[in-house]
Amino acid sequence: MATAWDSKNWTMSSLVQHYETLVKYMNWQDCGKVLAVGCGTRSMIEASEFPEIAYNLGKSI
């Protein structure tokens, strides 16, 4: 899970690329990502759909 204040479509691109490279290098299985863009404060995160998405991802693992 990662958060960012900015919500532009490129905001998480470098982070995702680095994460995917690490997953491949370590021979891990990617179980999913929660990229909470547009969430610069805790209250913004809490008011978004991202906590539920993260909960459901964790529950599915």
PDB file of N, CA and C in Angstrom:
ATOM      1  N   MET A   1       0.845  -1.165   0.000  1.00  0.00           N
ATOM      2  CA  MET A   1       0.000   0.000   0.000  1.00  0.00           C
ATOM      3  C   MET A   1       0.889   1.226   0.000  1.00  0.00           C
ATOM      4  N   ALA A   2       0.499   2.187  -0.812  1.00  0.00           N
ATOM      5  CA  ALA A   2       1.220   3.455  -0.865  1.00  0.00           C
ATOM      6  C   ALA A   2       0.191   4.571  -0.992  1.00  0.00           C
ATOM      7  N   THR A   3       0.517   5.713  -0.423  1.00  0.00           N
ATOM      8  CA  THR A   3      -0.358   6.877  -0.529  1.00  0.00           C
ATOM      9  C   THR A   3       0.400   8.031  -1.156  1.00  0.00           C
ATOM     10  N   ALA A   4      -0.356   8.940  -1.766  1.00  0.00           N
ATOM     11  CA  ALA A   4       0.241  10.134  -2.353  1.00  0.00           C
ATOM     12  C   ALA A   4      -0.792  11.245  -2.383  1.00  0.00           C
ATOM     13  N   TRP A   5      -0.338  12.444  -2.171  1.00  0.00           N
ATOM     14  CA  TRP A   5      -1.228  13.600  -2.230  1.00  0.00           C
ATOM     15  C   TRP A   5      -1.738  13.792  -3.659  1.00  0.00           C
ATOM     16  N   ASP A   6      -0.836  13.692  -4.593  1.00  0.00           N
ATOM     17  CA  ASP A   6      -1.159  13.934  -6.001  1.00  0.00           C
ATOM     18  C   ASP A   6      -2.019  12.793  -6.560  1.00  0.00           C
ATOM     19  N   SER A   7      -2.901  13.123  -7.452  1.00  0.00           N
ATOM     20  CA  SER A   7      -3.748  12.086  -8.055  1.00  0.00           C
ATOM     21  C   SER A   7      -3.577  11.993  -9.564  1.00  0.00           C
ATOM     22  N   LYS A   8      -2.514  12.585 -10.077  1.00  0.00           N
ATOM     23  CA  LYS A   8      -2.254  12.484 -11.520  1.00  0.00           C
ATOM     24  C   LYS A   8      -1.926  11.036 -11.876  1.00  0.00           C
ATOM     25  N   ASN A   9      -2.187  10.662 -13.127  1.00  0.00           N
ATOM     26  CA  ASN A   9      -2.021   9.266 -13.531  1.00  0.00           C
ATOM     27  C   ASN A   9      -0.577   8.771 -13.452  1.00  0.00           C
ATOM     28  N   TRP A  10       0.405   9.646 -13.420  1.00  0.00           N
ATOM     29  CA  TRP A  10       1.808   9.234 -13.369  1.00  0.00           C
ATOM     30  C   TRP A  10       2.362   9.185 -11.950  1.00  0.00           C
ATOM     31  N   THR A  11       1.571   9.548 -10.970  1.00  0.00           N
ATOM     32  CA  THR A  11       2.046   9.697  -9.601  1.00  0.00           C
ATOM     33  C   THR A  11       2.757   8.454  -9.070  1.00  0.00           C
ATOM     34  N   MET A  12       2.207   7.287  -9.306  1.00  0.00           N
ATOM     35  CA  MET A  12       2.766   6.059  -8.747  1.00  0.00           C
ATOM     36  C   MET A  12       3.590   5.248  -9.739  1.00  0.00           C
ATOM     37  N   SER A  13       3.797   5.747 -10.936  1.00  0.00           N
ATOM     38  CA  SER A  13       4.433   4.933 -11.978  1.00  0.00           C
ATOM     39  C   SER A  13       5.845   4.469 -11.597  1.00  0.00           C
ATOM     40  N   SER A  14       6.680   5.342 -11.076  1.00  0.00           N
ATOM     41  CA  SER A  14       8.041   4.934 -10.697  1.00  0.00           C
ATOM     42  C   SER A  14       8.026   3.979  -9.515  1.00  0.00           C
ATOM     43  N   LEU A  15       7.163   4.235  -8.556  1.00  0.00           N
ATOM     44  CA  LEU A  15       7.061   3.347  -7.399  1.00  0.00           C
ATOM     45  C   LEU A  15       6.601   1.956  -7.816  1.00  0.00           C
ATOM     46  N   VAL A  16       5.590   1.891  -8.680  1.00  0.00           N
ATOM     47  CA  VAL A  16       5.084   0.600  -9.145  1.00  0.00           C
ATOM     48  C   VAL A  16       6.158  -0.133  -9.934  1.00  0.00           C
ATOM     49  N   GLN A  17       6.878   0.580 -10.781  1.00  0.00           N
ATOM     50  CA  GLN A  17       7.945  -0.060 -11.555  1.00  0.00           C
ATOM     51  C   GLN A  17       9.017  -0.637 -10.628  1.00  0.00           C
ATOM     52  N   HIS A  18       9.395   0.110  -9.613  1.00  0.00           N
ATOM     53  CA  HIS A  18      10.399  -0.377  -8.660  1.00  0.00           C
ATOM     54  C   HIS A  18       9.867  -1.596  -7.907  1.00  0.00           C
ATOM     55  N   TYR A  19       8.634  -1.524  -7.463  1.00  0.00           N
ATOM     56  CA  TYR A  19       8.010  -2.645  -6.746  1.00  0.00           C
ATOM     57  C   TYR A  19       7.975  -3.897  -7.619  1.00  0.00           C
ATOM     58  N   GLU A  20       7.544  -3.759  -8.868  1.00  0.00           N
ATOM     59  CA  GLU A  20       7.454  -4.914  -9.766  1.00  0.00           C
ATOM     60  C   GLU A  20       8.830  -5.510 -10.050  1.00  0.00           C
ATOM     61  N   THR A  21       9.842  -4.667 -10.144  1.00  0.00           N
ATOM     62  CA  THR A  21      11.211  -5.155 -10.325  1.00  0.00           C
ATOM     63  C   THR A  21      11.661  -5.939  -9.096  1.00  0.00           C
ATOM     64  N   LEU A  22      11.381  -5.417  -7.918  1.00  0.00           N
ATOM     65  CA  LEU A  22      11.747  -6.110  -6.680  1.00  0.00           C
ATOM     66  C   LEU A  22      11.028  -7.453  -6.560  1.00  0.00           C
ATOM     67  N   VAL A  23       9.744  -7.479  -6.886  1.00  0.00           N
ATOM     68  CA  VAL A  23       8.976  -8.729  -6.838  1.00  0.00           C
ATOM     69  C   VAL A  23       9.596  -9.760  -7.770  1.00  0.00           C
ATOM     70  N   LYS A  24       9.946  -9.340  -8.970  1.00  0.00           N
ATOM     71  CA  LYS A  24      10.551 -10.260  -9.945  1.00  0.00           C
ATOM     72  C   LYS A  24      11.923 -10.730  -9.460  1.00  0.00           C
ATOM     73  N   TYR A  25      12.749  -9.805  -8.987  1.00  0.00           N
ATOM     74  CA  TYR A  25      14.090 -10.137  -8.523  1.00  0.00           C
ATOM     75  C   TYR A  25      14.049 -11.122  -7.352  1.00  0.00           C
ATOM     76  N   MET A  26      13.130 -10.919  -6.421  1.00  0.00           N
ATOM     77  CA  MET A  26      13.034 -11.770  -5.232  1.00  0.00           C
ATOM     78  C   MET A  26      12.226 -13.038  -5.484  1.00  0.00           C
ATOM     79  N   ASN A  27      11.679 -13.170  -6.694  1.00  0.00           N
ATOM     80  CA  ASN A  27      10.851 -14.320  -7.046  1.00  0.00           C
ATOM     81  C   ASN A  27       9.645 -14.448  -6.111  1.00  0.00           C
ATOM     82  N   TRP A  28       9.040 -13.302  -5.809  1.00  0.00           N
ATOM     83  CA  TRP A  28       7.847 -13.251  -4.973  1.00  0.00           C
ATOM     84  C   TRP A  28       6.613 -13.311  -5.854  1.00  0.00           C
ATOM     85  N   GLN A  29       5.490 -13.549  -5.227  1.00  0.00           N
ATOM     86  CA  GLN A  29       4.209 -13.488  -5.928  1.00  0.00           C
ATOM     87  C   GLN A  29       3.506 -12.201  -5.511  1.00  0.00           C
ATOM     88  N   ASP A  30       3.146 -11.396  -6.479  1.00  0.00           N
ATOM     89  CA  ASP A  30       2.419 -10.156  -6.205  1.00  0.00           C
ATOM     90  C   ASP A  30       0.968 -10.500  -5.895  1.00  0.00           C
ATOM     91  N   CYS A  31       0.516 -10.115  -4.726  1.00  0.00           N
ATOM     92  CA  CYS A  31      -0.871 -10.389  -4.321  1.00  0.00           C
ATOM     93  C   CYS A  31      -1.774  -9.186  -4.540  1.00  0.00           C
ATOM     94  N   GLY A  32      -1.209  -8.102  -5.025  1.00  0.00           N
ATOM     95  CA  GLY A  32      -2.009  -6.917  -5.313  1.00  0.00           C
ATOM     96  C   GLY A  32      -1.383  -5.658  -4.756  1.00  0.00           C
ATOM     97  N   LYS A  33      -1.907  -4.550  -5.194  1.00  0.00           N
ATOM     98  CA  LYS A  33      -1.416  -3.237  -4.775  1.00  0.00           C
ATOM     99  C   LYS A  33      -2.612  -2.353  -4.447  1.00  0.00           C
ATOM    100  N   VAL A  34      -2.431  -1.503  -3.469  1.00  0.00           N
ATOM    101  CA  VAL A  34      -3.408  -0.455  -3.182  1.00  0.00           C
ATOM    102  C   VAL A  34      -2.649   0.854  -3.305  1.00  0.00           C
ATOM    103  N   LEU A  35      -2.975   1.619  -4.318  1.00  0.00           N
ATOM    104  CA  LEU A  35      -2.294   2.877  -4.596  1.00  0.00           C
ATOM    105  C   LEU A  35      -3.270   4.020  -4.317  1.00  0.00           C
ATOM    106  N   ALA A  36      -3.185   4.537  -3.118  1.00  0.00           N
ATOM    107  CA  ALA A  36      -4.138   5.539  -2.647  1.00  0.00           C
ATOM    108  C   ALA A  36      -3.706   6.930  -3.098  1.00  0.00           C
ATOM    109  N   VAL A  37      -4.002   7.251  -4.332  1.00  0.00           N
ATOM    110  CA  VAL A  37      -3.667   8.570  -4.864  1.00  0.00           C
ATOM    111  C   VAL A  37      -4.723   9.578  -4.428  1.00  0.00           C
ATOM    112  N   GLY A  38      -4.296  10.818  -4.305  1.00  0.00           N
ATOM    113  CA  GLY A  38      -5.215  11.869  -3.887  1.00  0.00           C
ATOM    114  C   GLY A  38      -5.534  11.831  -2.409  1.00  0.00           C
ATOM    115  N   CYS A  39      -4.659  11.217  -1.636  1.00  0.00           N
ATOM    116  CA  CYS A  39      -4.874  11.060  -0.190  1.00  0.00           C
ATOM    117  C   CYS A  39      -3.668  11.602   0.567  1.00  0.00           C
ATOM    118  N   GLY A  40      -3.623  12.896   0.747  1.00  0.00           N
ATOM    119  CA  GLY A  40      -2.478  13.529   1.392  1.00  0.00           C
ATOM    120  C   GLY A  40      -2.539  13.593   2.897  1.00  0.00           C
ATOM    121  N   THR A  41      -3.679  13.300   3.489  1.00  0.00           N
ATOM    122  CA  THR A  41      -3.810  13.331   4.941  1.00  0.00           C
ATOM    123  C   THR A  41      -4.560  12.091   5.404  1.00  0.00           C
ATOM    124  N   ARG A  42      -4.450  11.826   6.680  1.00  0.00           N
ATOM    125  CA  ARG A  42      -5.156  10.665   7.229  1.00  0.00           C
ATOM    126  C   ARG A  42      -6.664  10.778   7.010  1.00  0.00           C
ATOM    127  N   SER A  43      -7.221  11.954   7.218  1.00  0.00           N
ATOM    128  CA  SER A  43      -8.665  12.119   7.036  1.00  0.00           C
ATOM    129  C   SER A  43      -9.084  11.911   5.590  1.00  0.00           C
ATOM    130  N   MET A  44      -8.224  12.276   4.650  1.00  0.00           N
ATOM    131  CA  MET A  44      -8.523  12.035   3.234  1.00  0.00           C
ATOM    132  C   MET A  44      -8.530  10.538   2.938  1.00  0.00           C
ATOM    133  N   ILE A  45      -7.587   9.814   3.528  1.00  0.00           N
ATOM    134  CA  ILE A  45      -7.540   8.364   3.345  1.00  0.00           C
ATOM    135  C   ILE A  45      -8.781   7.727   3.949  1.00  0.00           C
ATOM    136  N   GLU A  46      -9.099   8.118   5.173  1.00  0.00           N
ATOM    137  CA  GLU A  46     -10.252   7.531   5.865  1.00  0.00           C
ATOM    138  C   GLU A  46     -11.562   7.797   5.130  1.00  0.00           C
ATOM    139  N   ALA A  47     -11.651   8.913   4.417  1.00  0.00           N
ATOM    140  CA  ALA A  47     -12.870   9.262   3.685  1.00  0.00           C
ATOM    141  C   ALA A  47     -12.928   8.626   2.295  1.00  0.00           C
ATOM    142  N   SER A  48     -11.865   7.923   1.920  1.00  0.00           N
ATOM    143  CA  SER A  48     -11.811   7.329   0.582  1.00  0.00           C
ATOM    144  C   SER A  48     -12.218   5.858   0.626  1.00  0.00           C
ATOM    145  N   GLU A  49     -12.209   5.252  -0.549  1.00  0.00           N
ATOM    146  CA  GLU A  49     -12.511   3.820  -0.665  1.00  0.00           C
ATOM    147  C   GLU A  49     -11.293   2.944  -0.400  1.00  0.00           C
ATOM    148  N   PHE A  50     -10.107   3.544  -0.247  1.00  0.00           N
ATOM    149  CA  PHE A  50      -8.871   2.779  -0.142  1.00  0.00           C
ATOM    150  C   PHE A  50      -8.760   1.895   1.104  1.00  0.00           C
ATOM    151  N   PRO A  51      -9.225   2.320   2.276  1.00  0.00           N
ATOM    152  CA  PRO A  51      -9.161   1.398   3.419  1.00  0.00           C
ATOM    153  C   PRO A  51      -9.947   0.110   3.178  1.00  0.00           C
ATOM    154  N   GLU A  52     -11.097   0.212   2.564  1.00  0.00           N
ATOM    155  CA  GLU A  52     -11.888  -0.987   2.276  1.00  0.00           C
ATOM    156  C   GLU A  52     -11.192  -1.863   1.242  1.00  0.00           C
ATOM    157  N   ILE A  53     -10.584  -1.238   0.241  1.00  0.00           N
ATOM    158  CA  ILE A  53      -9.845  -1.992  -0.774  1.00  0.00           C
ATOM    159  C   ILE A  53      -8.682  -2.733  -0.110  1.00  0.00           C
ATOM    160  N   ALA A  54      -7.955  -2.052   0.775  1.00  0.00           N
ATOM    161  CA  ALA A  54      -6.838  -2.692   1.464  1.00  0.00           C
ATOM    162  C   ALA A  54      -7.323  -3.825   2.362  1.00  0.00           C
ATOM    163  N   TYR A  55      -8.395  -3.600   3.051  1.00  0.00           N
ATOM    164  CA  TYR A  55      -8.965  -4.644   3.918  1.00  0.00           C
ATOM    165  C   TYR A  55      -9.332  -5.878   3.099  1.00  0.00           C
ATOM    166  N   ASN A  56     -10.028  -5.657   2.000  1.00  0.00           N
ATOM    167  CA  ASN A  56     -10.445  -6.781   1.155  1.00  0.00           C
ATOM    168  C   ASN A  56      -9.254  -7.510   0.539  1.00  0.00           C
ATOM    169  N   LEU A  57      -8.210  -6.775   0.181  1.00  0.00           N
ATOM    170  CA  LEU A  57      -7.007  -7.408  -0.349  1.00  0.00           C
ATOM    171  C   LEU A  57      -6.375  -8.281   0.734  1.00  0.00           C
ATOM    172  N   GLY A  58      -6.224  -7.742   1.919  1.00  0.00           N
ATOM    173  CA  GLY A  58      -5.642  -8.512   3.008  1.00  0.00           C
ATOM    174  C   GLY A  58      -6.473  -9.742   3.357  1.00  0.00           C
ATOM    175  N   LYS A  59      -7.752  -9.588   3.323  1.00  0.00           N
ATOM    176  CA  LYS A  59      -8.664 -10.706   3.630  1.00  0.00           C
ATOM    177  C   LYS A  59      -8.547 -11.816   2.589  1.00  0.00           C
ATOM    178  N   SER A  60      -8.251 -11.452   1.349  1.00  0.00           N
ATOM    179  CA  SER A  60      -8.190 -12.437   0.265  1.00  0.00           C
ATOM    180  C   SER A  60      -6.880 -13.222   0.247  1.00  0.00           C
ATOM    181  N   ILE A  61      -5.898 -12.780   0.993  1.00  0.00           N
ATOM    182  CA  ILE A  61      -4.582 -13.436   0.964  1.00  0.00           C
ATOM    183  C   ILE A  61      -4.590 -14.667   1.849  1.00  0.00           C
TER     184      ILE A  61
END
